[in-house]
Amino acid sequence: MNRSLTVSLAALALVSLTLAGCGRKGDLDVPGTPVVDQNNASKKAAPVEDRPFVLDPLL
């Protein structure tokens, strides 16, 4: 009986971890926002100013 309980708990843990890994990664989406608009919103980042660094001559 002890072995069957251990196997059952291991199977339950495996199924739980598998189901916990399902889903989309990333930020939560507002309902009704088209995917195209969500993708374009992340690409509109402001350009970063290039600042010199002390170790730049080594590169």
N, C-alpha and C. Protein backbone atom coordinates (compact mmCIF):
# COMPACT_ATOMS: atom_id res chain seq x y z
N MET A 1 0.82 -1.19 0.00
CA MET A 1 0.00 0.00 0.00
C MET A 1 0.87 1.26 0.00
N ASN A 2 1.96 1.22 0.69
CA ASN A 2 2.83 2.38 0.78
C ASN A 2 3.42 2.73 -0.58
N ARG A 3 3.78 1.71 -1.37
CA ARG A 3 4.36 1.94 -2.69
C ARG A 3 3.33 2.53 -3.64
N SER A 4 2.10 2.06 -3.60
CA SER A 4 1.07 2.59 -4.50
C SER A 4 0.73 4.04 -4.15
N LEU A 5 0.78 4.38 -2.88
CA LEU A 5 0.54 5.75 -2.46
C LEU A 5 1.66 6.66 -2.97
N THR A 6 2.89 6.19 -2.88
CA THR A 6 4.03 6.98 -3.36
C THR A 6 3.95 7.19 -4.86
N VAL A 7 3.59 6.15 -5.60
CA VAL A 7 3.46 6.26 -7.06
C VAL A 7 2.33 7.21 -7.41
N SER A 8 1.23 7.12 -6.70
CA SER A 8 0.09 8.01 -6.96
C SER A 8 0.46 9.47 -6.69
N LEU A 9 1.14 9.73 -5.60
CA LEU A 9 1.54 11.10 -5.28
C LEU A 9 2.56 11.62 -6.29
N ALA A 10 3.46 10.77 -6.74
CA ALA A 10 4.44 11.19 -7.75
C ALA A 10 3.74 11.52 -9.07
N ALA A 11 2.77 10.70 -9.46
CA ALA A 11 2.01 10.96 -10.69
C ALA A 11 1.20 12.25 -10.56
N LEU A 12 0.61 12.47 -9.43
CA LEU A 12 -0.15 13.70 -9.19
C LEU A 12 0.75 14.93 -9.25
N ALA A 13 1.94 14.82 -8.67
CA ALA A 13 2.88 15.94 -8.71
C ALA A 13 3.33 16.21 -10.14
N LEU A 14 3.58 15.16 -10.92
CA LEU A 14 4.01 15.32 -12.30
C LEU A 14 2.92 15.99 -13.14
N VAL A 15 1.69 15.56 -12.97
CA VAL A 15 0.57 16.17 -13.71
C VAL A 15 0.38 17.62 -13.29
N SER A 16 0.52 17.91 -12.01
CA SER A 16 0.37 19.28 -11.52
C SER A 16 1.44 20.20 -12.10
N LEU A 17 2.68 19.74 -12.14
CA LEU A 17 3.75 20.55 -12.71
C LEU A 17 3.58 20.74 -14.20
N THR A 18 3.08 19.72 -14.88
CA THR A 18 2.85 19.83 -16.32
C THR A 18 1.76 20.87 -16.61
N LEU A 19 0.68 20.83 -15.86
CA LEU A 19 -0.40 21.79 -16.07
C LEU A 19 0.01 23.20 -15.65
N ALA A 20 0.87 23.32 -14.67
CA ALA A 20 1.31 24.64 -14.23
C ALA A 20 2.19 25.30 -15.29
N GLY A 21 2.84 24.52 -16.14
CA GLY A 21 3.70 25.06 -17.17
C GLY A 21 2.95 25.48 -18.42
N CYS A 22 1.67 25.21 -18.50
CA CYS A 22 0.90 25.56 -19.70
C CYS A 22 0.54 27.04 -19.67
N GLY A 23 0.37 27.62 -20.84
CA GLY A 23 -0.07 29.01 -20.92
C GLY A 23 0.89 29.87 -21.68
N ARG A 24 0.52 31.11 -21.88
CA ARG A 24 1.35 32.08 -22.59
C ARG A 24 2.26 32.78 -21.61
N LYS A 25 3.50 32.97 -22.02
CA LYS A 25 4.43 33.72 -21.20
C LYS A 25 4.32 35.19 -21.57
N GLY A 26 4.61 36.05 -20.63
CA GLY A 26 4.61 37.47 -20.92
C GLY A 26 3.62 38.21 -20.06
N ASP A 27 3.44 39.47 -20.42
CA ASP A 27 2.53 40.33 -19.67
C ASP A 27 1.08 39.91 -19.87
N LEU A 28 0.25 40.27 -18.92
CA LEU A 28 -1.17 40.02 -19.07
C LEU A 28 -1.73 40.94 -20.14
N ASP A 29 -2.62 40.42 -20.96
CA ASP A 29 -3.19 41.19 -22.06
C ASP A 29 -4.56 41.73 -21.66
N VAL A 30 -4.83 42.92 -22.12
CA VAL A 30 -6.15 43.49 -21.91
C VAL A 30 -7.11 42.76 -22.84
N PRO A 31 -8.26 42.32 -22.38
CA PRO A 31 -9.19 41.60 -23.24
C PRO A 31 -9.62 42.48 -24.42
N GLY A 32 -9.62 41.89 -25.60
CA GLY A 32 -10.07 42.60 -26.79
C GLY A 32 -8.96 43.34 -27.52
N THR A 33 -7.75 43.33 -27.03
CA THR A 33 -6.64 44.00 -27.71
C THR A 33 -6.09 43.05 -28.77
N PRO A 34 -6.08 43.47 -30.04
CA PRO A 34 -5.55 42.58 -31.08
C PRO A 34 -4.06 42.28 -30.86
N VAL A 35 -3.65 41.11 -31.27
CA VAL A 35 -2.27 40.69 -31.09
C VAL A 35 -1.32 41.59 -31.86
N VAL A 36 -1.74 42.07 -33.02
CA VAL A 36 -0.88 42.95 -33.82
C VAL A 36 -0.58 44.23 -33.05
N ASP A 37 -1.58 44.80 -32.40
CA ASP A 37 -1.37 46.02 -31.61
C ASP A 37 -0.48 45.75 -30.40
N GLN A 38 -0.60 44.58 -29.79
CA GLN A 38 0.23 44.24 -28.65
C GLN A 38 1.69 44.12 -29.08
N ASN A 39 1.93 43.52 -30.23
CA ASN A 39 3.30 43.35 -30.71
C ASN A 39 3.91 44.69 -31.11
N ASN A 40 3.13 45.57 -31.73
CA ASN A 40 3.64 46.88 -32.15
C ASN A 40 3.91 47.78 -30.95
N ALA A 41 3.17 47.62 -29.88
CA ALA A 41 3.36 48.47 -28.70
C ALA A 41 4.72 48.22 -28.07
N SER A 42 5.19 46.98 -28.10
CA SER A 42 6.48 46.70 -27.48
C SER A 42 7.64 47.13 -28.36
N LYS A 43 7.44 47.34 -29.65
CA LYS A 43 8.52 47.72 -30.56
C LYS A 43 8.76 49.22 -30.60
N LYS A 44 7.86 50.02 -30.04
CA LYS A 44 7.96 51.47 -30.13
C LYS A 44 8.76 52.05 -28.96
N ALA A 45 9.89 51.44 -28.64
CA ALA A 45 10.72 51.94 -27.55
C ALA A 45 11.56 53.11 -28.05
N ALA A 46 11.79 54.06 -27.17
CA ALA A 46 12.60 55.22 -27.54
C ALA A 46 14.05 54.80 -27.72
N PRO A 47 14.74 55.38 -28.70
CA PRO A 47 16.15 55.01 -28.91
C PRO A 47 17.00 55.43 -27.71
N VAL A 48 17.98 54.61 -27.40
CA VAL A 48 18.84 54.86 -26.26
C VAL A 48 20.03 55.70 -26.71
N GLU A 49 20.34 56.73 -25.94
CA GLU A 49 21.46 57.60 -26.27
C GLU A 49 22.77 56.84 -26.04
N ASP A 50 23.68 56.92 -27.01
CA ASP A 50 24.96 56.24 -26.91
C ASP A 50 25.91 57.11 -26.09
N ARG A 51 26.28 56.61 -24.90
CA ARG A 51 27.17 57.34 -24.02
C ARG A 51 28.52 56.62 -23.99
N PRO A 52 29.61 57.36 -24.07
CA PRO A 52 30.92 56.70 -24.00
C PRO A 52 31.17 56.09 -22.63
N PHE A 53 31.95 55.01 -22.62
CA PHE A 53 32.29 54.31 -21.40
C PHE A 53 33.80 54.19 -21.32
N VAL A 54 34.34 54.10 -20.13
CA VAL A 54 35.79 54.08 -19.92
C VAL A 54 36.46 52.93 -20.68
N LEU A 55 35.83 51.77 -20.72
CA LEU A 55 36.44 50.59 -21.34
C LEU A 55 36.15 50.45 -22.83
N ASP A 56 35.49 51.42 -23.46
CA ASP A 56 35.19 51.34 -24.89
C ASP A 56 36.41 51.16 -25.77
N PRO A 57 37.54 51.80 -25.50
CA PRO A 57 38.71 51.59 -26.37
C PRO A 57 39.20 50.14 -26.38
N LEU A 58 38.91 49.37 -25.33
CA LEU A 58 39.35 47.97 -25.30
C LEU A 58 38.52 47.09 -26.23
N LEU A 59 37.31 47.53 -26.53
CA LEU A 59 36.45 46.73 -27.38
C LEU A 59 36.76 47.02 -28.82
